[in-house]
Amino acid sequence: MVKSHKDLKVWKESMLLVKDVYEMTNSFPPDERFTLGQQMRRSAISIPSNIAEGAGRRGNKEWIRFLNIALGSISELETQLEIAKVLEFVNDPTKEIEQLIYFRRMILKLIASLNS
């Protein structure tokens, strides 16, 4: 039984991703830390934040709405990681992209369970 968003594995692991993204963007060129780096940080923060906000709302419909926003942030961050790779700010974001795919699956399963 989920008592809080803090009980959700996807929330816990997405919090760790936020830390990873912060560390990754610290190595960006100075002018990019405040453009692409900030955007990546906002996207990463949005994932656990929307999971938490949705869990704190009344009813499954509201929670699902915020889970869908988290899914959008996952796609956004995945794209930004690919951009950082193309711009050669990161070597290989495969680990982070695989994490995002995993989070996407977890959230989709959570949405399916809330719908049933």
C-alpha atoms as a PDB file:
ATOM      1  CA  MET A   1       0.000   0.000   0.000  1.00  0.00           C
ATOM      2  CA  VAL A   2       1.332   3.402  -1.008  1.00  0.00           C
ATOM      3  CA  LYS A   3       0.975   5.902   1.822  1.00  0.00           C
ATOM      4  CA  SER A   4       3.072   8.644   0.246  1.00  0.00           C
ATOM      5  CA  HIS A   5       4.931   9.466  -2.938  1.00  0.00           C
ATOM      6  CA  LYS A   6       8.066   8.687  -0.919  1.00  0.00           C
ATOM      7  CA  ASP A   7       7.012   5.016  -0.929  1.00  0.00           C
ATOM      8  CA  LEU A   8       7.213   4.849  -4.728  1.00  0.00           C
ATOM      9  CA  LYS A   9      10.353   3.346  -6.233  1.00  0.00           C
ATOM     10  CA  VAL A  10      10.052   5.588  -9.298  1.00  0.00           C
ATOM     11  CA  TRP A  11      10.028   8.693  -7.072  1.00  0.00           C
ATOM     12  CA  LYS A  12      13.052   7.526  -5.063  1.00  0.00           C
ATOM     13  CA  GLU A  13      15.081   6.670  -8.146  1.00  0.00           C
ATOM     14  CA  SER A  14      14.113   9.832 -10.012  1.00  0.00           C
ATOM     15  CA  MET A  15      15.409  11.827  -7.036  1.00  0.00           C
ATOM     16  CA  LEU A  16      18.805  10.185  -7.596  1.00  0.00           C
ATOM     17  CA  LEU A  17      18.609  11.102 -11.279  1.00  0.00           C
ATOM     18  CA  VAL A  18      18.228  14.764 -10.289  1.00  0.00           C
ATOM     19  CA  LYS A  19      21.556  14.531  -8.450  1.00  0.00           C
ATOM     20  CA  ASP A  20      23.188  12.860 -11.465  1.00  0.00           C
ATOM     21  CA  VAL A  21      21.921  15.569 -13.825  1.00  0.00           C
ATOM     22  CA  TYR A  22      23.203  18.309 -11.514  1.00  0.00           C
ATOM     23  CA  GLU A  23      26.631  16.689 -11.411  1.00  0.00           C
ATOM     24  CA  MET A  24      26.634  16.168 -15.189  1.00  0.00           C
ATOM     25  CA  THR A  25      25.691  19.758 -15.991  1.00  0.00           C
ATOM     26  CA  ASN A  26      28.376  21.119 -13.657  1.00  0.00           C
ATOM     27  CA  SER A  27      30.919  19.994 -16.242  1.00  0.00           C
ATOM     28  CA  PHE A  28      29.240  21.892 -19.099  1.00  0.00           C
ATOM     29  CA  PRO A  29      30.991  24.955 -20.542  1.00  0.00           C
ATOM     30  CA  PRO A  30      30.186  27.992 -18.376  1.00  0.00           C
ATOM     31  CA  ASP A  31      27.815  29.608 -20.889  1.00  0.00           C
ATOM     32  CA  GLU A  32      25.896  26.335 -21.321  1.00  0.00           C
ATOM     33  CA  ARG A  33      25.401  25.743 -17.594  1.00  0.00           C
ATOM     34  CA  PHE A  34      22.836  28.525 -17.691  1.00  0.00           C
ATOM     35  CA  THR A  35      21.107  27.489 -20.905  1.00  0.00           C
ATOM     36  CA  LEU A  36      20.976  23.776 -21.707  1.00  0.00           C
ATOM     37  CA  GLY A  37      22.229  22.864 -18.230  1.00  0.00           C
ATOM     38  CA  GLN A  38      19.450  24.799 -16.486  1.00  0.00           C
ATOM     39  CA  GLN A  39      16.824  23.352 -18.816  1.00  0.00           C
ATOM     40  CA  MET A  40      18.062  19.824 -18.102  1.00  0.00           C
ATOM     41  CA  ARG A  41      17.952  20.491 -14.364  1.00  0.00           C
ATOM     42  CA  ARG A  42      14.384  21.791 -14.601  1.00  0.00           C
ATOM     43  CA  SER A  43      13.302  18.738 -16.584  1.00  0.00           C
ATOM     44  CA  ALA A  44      14.961  16.370 -14.117  1.00  0.00           C
ATOM     45  CA  ILE A  45      13.411  18.165 -11.125  1.00  0.00           C
ATOM     46  CA  SER A  46      10.006  18.046 -12.789  1.00  0.00           C
ATOM     47  CA  ILE A  47       9.906  14.232 -12.804  1.00  0.00           C
ATOM     48  CA  PRO A  48       9.839  13.518  -9.036  1.00  0.00           C
ATOM     49  CA  SER A  49       8.051  16.818  -8.380  1.00  0.00           C
ATOM     50  CA  ASN A  50       5.076  15.898 -10.567  1.00  0.00           C
ATOM     51  CA  ILE A  51       4.946  12.368  -9.164  1.00  0.00           C
ATOM     52  CA  ALA A  52       4.786  13.894  -5.678  1.00  0.00           C
ATOM     53  CA  GLU A  53       2.248  16.561  -6.580  1.00  0.00           C
ATOM     54  CA  GLY A  54      -0.034  14.052  -8.265  1.00  0.00           C
ATOM     55  CA  ALA A  55       0.155  11.679  -5.303  1.00  0.00           C
ATOM     56  CA  GLY A  56      -0.852  14.542  -3.048  1.00  0.00           C
ATOM     57  CA  ARG A  57      -3.989  15.327  -5.035  1.00  0.00           C
ATOM     58  CA  ARG A  58      -7.429  13.895  -4.478  1.00  0.00           C
ATOM     59  CA  GLY A  59      -8.411  11.085  -6.745  1.00  0.00           C
ATOM     60  CA  ASN A  60      -6.719   9.018  -9.380  1.00  0.00           C
ATOM     61  CA  LYS A  61      -7.705  11.322 -12.234  1.00  0.00           C
ATOM     62  CA  GLU A  62      -5.605  14.162 -10.818  1.00  0.00           C
ATOM     63  CA  TRP A  63      -2.704  11.840 -10.039  1.00  0.00           C
ATOM     64  CA  ILE A  64      -2.746  10.471 -13.582  1.00  0.00           C
ATOM     65  CA  ARG A  65      -2.692  14.010 -14.956  1.00  0.00           C
ATOM     66  CA  PHE A  66       0.515  14.776 -13.047  1.00  0.00           C
ATOM     67  CA  LEU A  67       2.033  11.418 -13.981  1.00  0.00           C
ATOM     68  CA  ASN A  68       1.468  12.364 -17.612  1.00  0.00           C
ATOM     69  CA  ILE A  69       3.298  15.634 -17.007  1.00  0.00           C
ATOM     70  CA  ALA A  70       6.181  13.613 -15.527  1.00  0.00           C
ATOM     71  CA  LEU A  71       6.173  11.499 -18.704  1.00  0.00           C
ATOM     72  CA  GLY A  72       6.536  14.682 -20.739  1.00  0.00           C
ATOM     73  CA  SER A  73       9.484  15.753 -18.604  1.00  0.00           C
ATOM     74  CA  ILE A  74      11.094  12.356 -19.166  1.00  0.00           C
ATOM     75  CA  SER A  75      10.840  12.838 -22.934  1.00  0.00           C
ATOM     76  CA  GLU A  76      12.138  16.380 -22.631  1.00  0.00           C
ATOM     77  CA  LEU A  77      15.168  15.312 -20.570  1.00  0.00           C
ATOM     78  CA  GLU A  78      15.887  12.423 -22.926  1.00  0.00           C
ATOM     79  CA  THR A  79      16.004  14.878 -25.835  1.00  0.00           C
ATOM     80  CA  GLN A  80      18.209  17.278 -23.891  1.00  0.00           C
ATOM     81  CA  LEU A  81      20.637  14.453 -23.090  1.00  0.00           C
ATOM     82  CA  GLU A  82      20.831  13.664 -26.800  1.00  0.00           C
ATOM     83  CA  ILE A  83      21.482  17.358 -27.544  1.00  0.00           C
ATOM     84  CA  ALA A  84      24.245  17.430 -24.922  1.00  0.00           C
ATOM     85  CA  LYS A  85      25.777  14.389 -26.613  1.00  0.00           C
ATOM     86  CA  VAL A  86      25.603  15.957 -30.090  1.00  0.00           C
ATOM     87  CA  LEU A  87      27.217  19.125 -28.714  1.00  0.00           C
ATOM     88  CA  GLU A  88      29.862  16.928 -27.050  1.00  0.00           C
ATOM     89  CA  PHE A  89      29.094  18.193 -23.536  1.00  0.00           C
ATOM     90  CA  VAL A  90      28.686  14.574 -22.391  1.00  0.00           C
ATOM     91  CA  ASN A  91      30.393  11.458 -23.679  1.00  0.00           C
ATOM     92  CA  ASP A  92      27.741   8.791 -23.364  1.00  0.00           C
ATOM     93  CA  PRO A  93      24.398   9.447 -21.673  1.00  0.00           C
ATOM     94  CA  THR A  94      23.280   5.832 -22.227  1.00  0.00           C
ATOM     95  CA  LYS A  95      22.941   5.127 -18.481  1.00  0.00           C
ATOM     96  CA  GLU A  96      20.715   8.159 -17.946  1.00  0.00           C
ATOM     97  CA  ILE A  97      18.630   7.459 -21.055  1.00  0.00           C
ATOM     98  CA  GLU A  98      18.115   3.847 -19.920  1.00  0.00           C
ATOM     99  CA  GLN A  99      17.009   5.184 -16.527  1.00  0.00           C
ATOM    100  CA  LEU A 100      14.483   7.441 -18.245  1.00  0.00           C
ATOM    101  CA  ILE A 101      13.117   4.527 -20.280  1.00  0.00           C
ATOM    102  CA  TYR A 102      12.802   2.553 -17.045  1.00  0.00           C
ATOM    103  CA  PHE A 103      11.004   5.463 -15.335  1.00  0.00           C
ATOM    104  CA  ARG A 104       8.659   5.779 -18.311  1.00  0.00           C
ATOM    105  CA  ARG A 105       7.713   2.093 -18.014  1.00  0.00           C
ATOM    106  CA  MET A 106       7.197   2.388 -14.267  1.00  0.00           C
ATOM    107  CA  ILE A 107       4.965   5.441 -14.611  1.00  0.00           C
ATOM    108  CA  LEU A 108       2.943   3.826 -17.403  1.00  0.00           C
ATOM    109  CA  LYS A 109       2.385   0.770 -15.172  1.00  0.00           C
ATOM    110  CA  LEU A 110       1.350   3.052 -12.324  1.00  0.00           C
ATOM    111  CA  ILE A 111      -1.102   4.853 -14.610  1.00  0.00           C
ATOM    112  CA  ALA A 112      -2.523   1.504 -15.752  1.00  0.00           C
ATOM    113  CA  SER A 113      -2.995   0.407 -12.145  1.00  0.00           C
ATOM    114  CA  LEU A 114      -4.698   3.695 -11.248  1.00  0.00           C
ATOM    115  CA  ASN A 115      -7.026   3.320 -14.235  1.00  0.00           C
ATOM    116  CA  SER A 116      -8.153  -0.166 -13.203  1.00  0.00           C
END
